[in-house]
Amino acid sequence: MKTRFHQLAITVVLPLALVCAAPSAIAGDNDPSQVSLYERLGGYNAISAVVDDVVVQIAADEKLGRFWAHRGSDGISREKQLIVDFIVSKAGGPLYYRGREMRLSHEGMGIDEKDWEILITALKNTLHKFKVPAIESREVLDFFASTKSDIVEKS
């Protein structure tokens, strides 16, 4: 014998439990606005691979190499990790950036517009190399652009 409570459980509570167990069914797994940039970029390992690739390019650059010259491998590894942490944190990932603010950490380095252009070219090359989709590439480039005024000291 079905009670009124039993009927309520079947028509309201059970479907509600299923929805709560699978919220992506409502939000839609394919809606990029519901998924963090961190996830759309492929997570930690993908971001770390991009940073590694960009750092190799800028460290080898005749002009930007001055920032990486005469540094031990441990110092370079630390810098790369700070960059990864910063990007993961800002892209909605699970890390907390423990470094200094961009303006403070780049103060006095004499970074100019040409330095910035070389960095952005290296980043674009890497995003293309890793076949990062156009929407995500644009978001990454926009994010970097938002830090420019804190990094570039000279025009």
C-alpha atoms as a PDB file:
ATOM      1  CA  MET A   1       0.000   0.000   0.000  1.00  0.00           C
ATOM      2  CA  LYS A   2       1.463   3.288  -1.125  1.00  0.00           C
ATOM      3  CA  THR A   3       1.176   6.187   1.234  1.00  0.00           C
ATOM      4  CA  ARG A   4       1.054   9.823   0.305  1.00  0.00           C
ATOM      5  CA  PHE A   5       4.615  10.142   1.660  1.00  0.00           C
ATOM      6  CA  HIS A   6       5.781   7.311  -0.592  1.00  0.00           C
ATOM      7  CA  GLN A   7       4.272   9.052  -3.622  1.00  0.00           C
ATOM      8  CA  LEU A   8       5.958  12.344  -2.625  1.00  0.00           C
ATOM      9  CA  ALA A   9       9.285  10.559  -2.324  1.00  0.00           C
ATOM     10  CA  ILE A  10       8.952   9.085  -5.809  1.00  0.00           C
ATOM     11  CA  THR A  11       7.813  12.287  -7.517  1.00  0.00           C
ATOM     12  CA  VAL A  12       9.905  14.922  -5.699  1.00  0.00           C
ATOM     13  CA  VAL A  13      12.654  13.596  -3.444  1.00  0.00           C
ATOM     14  CA  LEU A  14      14.097  10.935  -5.756  1.00  0.00           C
ATOM     15  CA  PRO A  15      14.441  13.245  -8.778  1.00  0.00           C
ATOM     16  CA  LEU A  16      15.910  15.943  -6.513  1.00  0.00           C
ATOM     17  CA  ALA A  17      18.480  13.471  -5.189  1.00  0.00           C
ATOM     18  CA  LEU A  18      19.454  12.497  -8.724  1.00  0.00           C
ATOM     19  CA  VAL A  19      19.883  16.147  -9.706  1.00  0.00           C
ATOM     20  CA  CYS A  20      22.008  16.839  -6.619  1.00  0.00           C
ATOM     21  CA  ALA A  21      24.151  13.810  -7.349  1.00  0.00           C
ATOM     22  CA  ALA A  22      24.764  14.949 -10.921  1.00  0.00           C
ATOM     23  CA  PRO A  23      24.687  18.765 -11.072  1.00  0.00           C
ATOM     24  CA  SER A  24      26.435  18.711 -14.440  1.00  0.00           C
ATOM     25  CA  ALA A  25      23.272  17.278 -15.927  1.00  0.00           C
ATOM     26  CA  ILE A  26      21.623  20.635 -15.304  1.00  0.00           C
ATOM     27  CA  ALA A  27      24.605  22.917 -15.890  1.00  0.00           C
ATOM     28  CA  GLY A  28      25.647  21.137 -19.050  1.00  0.00           C
ATOM     29  CA  ASP A  29      29.157  19.747 -19.320  1.00  0.00           C
ATOM     30  CA  ASN A  30      29.580  21.341 -22.732  1.00  0.00           C
ATOM     31  CA  ASP A  31      28.911  24.916 -21.618  1.00  0.00           C
ATOM     32  CA  PRO A  32      32.376  26.561 -21.475  1.00  0.00           C
ATOM     33  CA  SER A  33      31.066  29.379 -19.307  1.00  0.00           C
ATOM     34  CA  GLN A  34      30.398  26.803 -16.569  1.00  0.00           C
ATOM     35  CA  VAL A  35      33.890  25.287 -16.721  1.00  0.00           C
ATOM     36  CA  SER A  36      36.942  27.110 -15.371  1.00  0.00           C
ATOM     37  CA  LEU A  37      39.719  28.177 -17.700  1.00  0.00           C
ATOM     38  CA  TYR A  38      41.981  25.904 -15.656  1.00  0.00           C
ATOM     39  CA  GLU A  39      39.885  22.878 -16.628  1.00  0.00           C
ATOM     40  CA  ARG A  40      39.487  23.971 -20.258  1.00  0.00           C
ATOM     41  CA  LEU A  41      43.261  24.360 -20.576  1.00  0.00           C
ATOM     42  CA  GLY A  42      43.738  20.779 -19.403  1.00  0.00           C
ATOM     43  CA  GLY A  43      44.670  21.312 -15.764  1.00  0.00           C
ATOM     44  CA  TYR A  44      47.968  21.533 -13.949  1.00  0.00           C
ATOM     45  CA  ASN A  45      50.106  19.373 -16.225  1.00  0.00           C
ATOM     46  CA  ALA A  46      49.027  21.220 -19.371  1.00  0.00           C
ATOM     47  CA  ILE A  47      49.676  24.631 -17.810  1.00  0.00           C
ATOM     48  CA  SER A  48      53.048  23.453 -16.504  1.00  0.00           C
ATOM     49  CA  ALA A  49      54.017  22.187 -19.979  1.00  0.00           C
ATOM     50  CA  VAL A  50      53.087  25.552 -21.528  1.00  0.00           C
ATOM     51  CA  VAL A  51      55.127  27.448 -18.925  1.00  0.00           C
ATOM     52  CA  ASP A  52      58.119  25.141 -19.481  1.00  0.00           C
ATOM     53  CA  ASP A  53      57.941  25.723 -23.230  1.00  0.00           C
ATOM     54  CA  VAL A  54      57.635  29.506 -22.921  1.00  0.00           C
ATOM     55  CA  VAL A  55      60.504  29.721 -20.420  1.00  0.00           C
ATOM     56  CA  VAL A  56      62.788  27.742 -22.756  1.00  0.00           C
ATOM     57  CA  GLN A  57      62.019  30.243 -25.533  1.00  0.00           C
ATOM     58  CA  ILE A  58      62.496  33.401 -23.485  1.00  0.00           C
ATOM     59  CA  ALA A  59      65.599  32.113 -21.678  1.00  0.00           C
ATOM     60  CA  ALA A  60      67.187  31.389 -25.068  1.00  0.00           C
ATOM     61  CA  ASP A  61      66.184  34.783 -26.483  1.00  0.00           C
ATOM     62  CA  GLU A  62      69.084  37.182 -27.031  1.00  0.00           C
ATOM     63  CA  LYS A  63      67.252  40.050 -25.299  1.00  0.00           C
ATOM     64  CA  LEU A  64      65.203  38.253 -22.611  1.00  0.00           C
ATOM     65  CA  GLY A  65      67.966  35.804 -21.767  1.00  0.00           C
ATOM     66  CA  ARG A  66      69.459  38.473 -19.502  1.00  0.00           C
ATOM     67  CA  PHE A  67      66.781  37.689 -16.906  1.00  0.00           C
ATOM     68  CA  TRP A  68      67.697  33.995 -16.833  1.00  0.00           C
ATOM     69  CA  ALA A  69      71.476  34.207 -17.256  1.00  0.00           C
ATOM     70  CA  HIS A  70      73.737  33.252 -14.366  1.00  0.00           C
ATOM     71  CA  ARG A  71      70.921  31.524 -12.496  1.00  0.00           C
ATOM     72  CA  GLY A  72      71.147  28.046 -11.132  1.00  0.00           C
ATOM     73  CA  SER A  73      68.697  25.353 -12.208  1.00  0.00           C
ATOM     74  CA  ASP A  74      67.043  25.497  -8.783  1.00  0.00           C
ATOM     75  CA  GLY A  75      66.341  29.217  -9.146  1.00  0.00           C
ATOM     76  CA  ILE A  76      64.924  28.703 -12.625  1.00  0.00           C
ATOM     77  CA  SER A  77      62.751  25.825 -11.386  1.00  0.00           C
ATOM     78  CA  ARG A  78      61.461  28.015  -8.562  1.00  0.00           C
ATOM     79  CA  GLU A  79      60.579  30.835 -10.959  1.00  0.00           C
ATOM     80  CA  LYS A  80      58.763  28.431 -13.277  1.00  0.00           C
ATOM     81  CA  GLN A  81      56.809  27.011 -10.345  1.00  0.00           C
ATOM     82  CA  LEU A  82      55.765  30.496  -9.242  1.00  0.00           C
ATOM     83  CA  ILE A  83      54.544  31.221 -12.771  1.00  0.00           C
ATOM     84  CA  VAL A  84      52.588  27.939 -12.858  1.00  0.00           C
ATOM     85  CA  ASP A  85      51.080  28.623  -9.432  1.00  0.00           C
ATOM     86  CA  PHE A  86      50.078  32.146 -10.476  1.00  0.00           C
ATOM     87  CA  ILE A  87      48.404  31.016 -13.706  1.00  0.00           C
ATOM     88  CA  VAL A  88      46.673  28.010 -12.106  1.00  0.00           C
ATOM     89  CA  SER A  89      45.353  30.204  -9.304  1.00  0.00           C
ATOM     90  CA  LYS A  90      44.104  32.950 -11.629  1.00  0.00           C
ATOM     91  CA  ALA A  91      42.570  30.414 -14.057  1.00  0.00           C
ATOM     92  CA  GLY A  92      40.354  28.893 -11.371  1.00  0.00           C
ATOM     93  CA  GLY A  93      42.572  25.982 -10.399  1.00  0.00           C
ATOM     94  CA  PRO A  94      43.260  24.514  -6.961  1.00  0.00           C
ATOM     95  CA  LEU A  95      46.544  26.292  -6.190  1.00  0.00           C
ATOM     96  CA  TYR A  96      47.191  29.379  -4.117  1.00  0.00           C
ATOM     97  CA  TYR A  97      49.840  31.757  -5.455  1.00  0.00           C
ATOM     98  CA  ARG A  98      52.309  32.540  -2.673  1.00  0.00           C
ATOM     99  CA  GLY A  99      54.562  34.870  -4.632  1.00  0.00           C
ATOM    100  CA  ARG A 100      54.776  38.626  -4.566  1.00  0.00           C
ATOM    101  CA  GLU A 101      52.456  40.929  -6.472  1.00  0.00           C
ATOM    102  CA  MET A 102      53.398  41.414 -10.121  1.00  0.00           C
ATOM    103  CA  ARG A 103      54.441  45.065  -9.747  1.00  0.00           C
ATOM    104  CA  LEU A 104      56.700  44.328  -6.790  1.00  0.00           C
ATOM    105  CA  SER A 105      58.284  41.214  -8.265  1.00  0.00           C
ATOM    106  CA  HIS A 106      59.174  42.979 -11.539  1.00  0.00           C
ATOM    107  CA  GLU A 107      60.121  46.368 -10.086  1.00  0.00           C
ATOM    108  CA  GLY A 108      63.544  47.584 -11.148  1.00  0.00           C
ATOM    109  CA  MET A 109      64.032  44.908 -13.797  1.00  0.00           C
ATOM    110  CA  GLY A 110      63.828  47.449 -16.608  1.00  0.00           C
ATOM    111  CA  ILE A 111      61.321  45.429 -18.608  1.00  0.00           C
ATOM    112  CA  ASP A 112      60.385  47.358 -21.726  1.00  0.00           C
ATOM    113  CA  GLU A 113      57.815  47.095 -24.501  1.00  0.00           C
ATOM    114  CA  LYS A 114      60.128  44.991 -26.691  1.00  0.00           C
ATOM    115  CA  ASP A 115      60.654  42.516 -23.823  1.00  0.00           C
ATOM    116  CA  TRP A 116      56.878  42.258 -23.482  1.00  0.00           C
ATOM    117  CA  GLU A 117      56.425  41.655 -27.218  1.00  0.00           C
ATOM    118  CA  ILE A 118      58.989  38.838 -27.154  1.00  0.00           C
ATOM    119  CA  LEU A 119      57.182  37.205 -24.214  1.00  0.00           C
ATOM    120  CA  ILE A 120      53.787  37.450 -25.903  1.00  0.00           C
ATOM    121  CA  THR A 121      55.197  36.073 -29.175  1.00  0.00           C
ATOM    122  CA  ALA A 122      56.672  33.109 -27.276  1.00  0.00           C
ATOM    123  CA  LEU A 123      53.342  32.561 -25.523  1.00  0.00           C
ATOM    124  CA  LYS A 124      51.422  32.693 -28.821  1.00  0.00           C
ATOM    125  CA  ASN A 125      53.878  30.229 -30.388  1.00  0.00           C
ATOM    126  CA  THR A 126      53.417  27.837 -27.478  1.00  0.00           C
ATOM    127  CA  LEU A 127      49.623  28.094 -27.462  1.00  0.00           C
ATOM    128  CA  HIS A 128      49.670  27.313 -31.188  1.00  0.00           C
ATOM    129  CA  LYS A 129      52.174  24.450 -30.724  1.00  0.00           C
ATOM    130  CA  PHE A 130      49.958  22.861 -28.060  1.00  0.00           C
ATOM    131  CA  LYS A 131      46.839  23.428 -30.204  1.00  0.00           C
ATOM    132  CA  VAL A 132      45.053  25.437 -27.515  1.00  0.00           C
ATOM    133  CA  PRO A 133      41.618  26.382 -28.920  1.00  0.00           C
ATOM    134  CA  ALA A 134      41.046  29.991 -30.013  1.00  0.00           C
ATOM    135  CA  ILE A 135      38.687  30.904 -27.151  1.00  0.00           C
ATOM    136  CA  GLU A 136      41.068  29.661 -24.460  1.00  0.00           C
ATOM    137  CA  SER A 137      44.085  31.192 -26.227  1.00  0.00           C
ATOM    138  CA  ARG A 138      42.311  34.551 -26.274  1.00  0.00           C
ATOM    139  CA  GLU A 139      41.489  34.249 -22.558  1.00  0.00           C
ATOM    140  CA  VAL A 140      45.118  33.426 -21.733  1.00  0.00           C
ATOM    141  CA  LEU A 141      46.392  36.340 -23.819  1.00  0.00           C
ATOM    142  CA  ASP A 142      43.809  38.685 -22.276  1.00  0.00           C
ATOM    143  CA  PHE A 143      44.878  37.551 -18.829  1.00  0.00           C
ATOM    144  CA  PHE A 144      48.536  38.258 -19.618  1.00  0.00           C
ATOM    145  CA  ALA A 145      47.572  41.653 -21.062  1.00  0.00           C
ATOM    146  CA  SER A 146      45.895  42.496 -17.742  1.00  0.00           C
ATOM    147  CA  THR A 147      49.283  42.141 -15.992  1.00  0.00           C
ATOM    148  CA  LYS A 148      51.245  44.278 -18.461  1.00  0.00           C
ATOM    149  CA  SER A 149      50.951  47.585 -16.616  1.00  0.00           C
ATOM    150  CA  ASP A 150      52.387  45.954 -13.496  1.00  0.00           C
ATOM    151  CA  ILE A 151      55.326  44.394 -15.375  1.00  0.00           C
ATOM    152  CA  VAL A 152      56.446  46.771 -18.129  1.00  0.00           C
ATOM    153  CA  GLU A 153      58.352  49.763 -16.721  1.00  0.00           C
ATOM    154  CA  LYS A 154      59.554  51.467 -19.899  1.00  0.00           C
ATOM    155  CA  SER A 155      57.857  52.139 -23.214  1.00  0.00           C
END
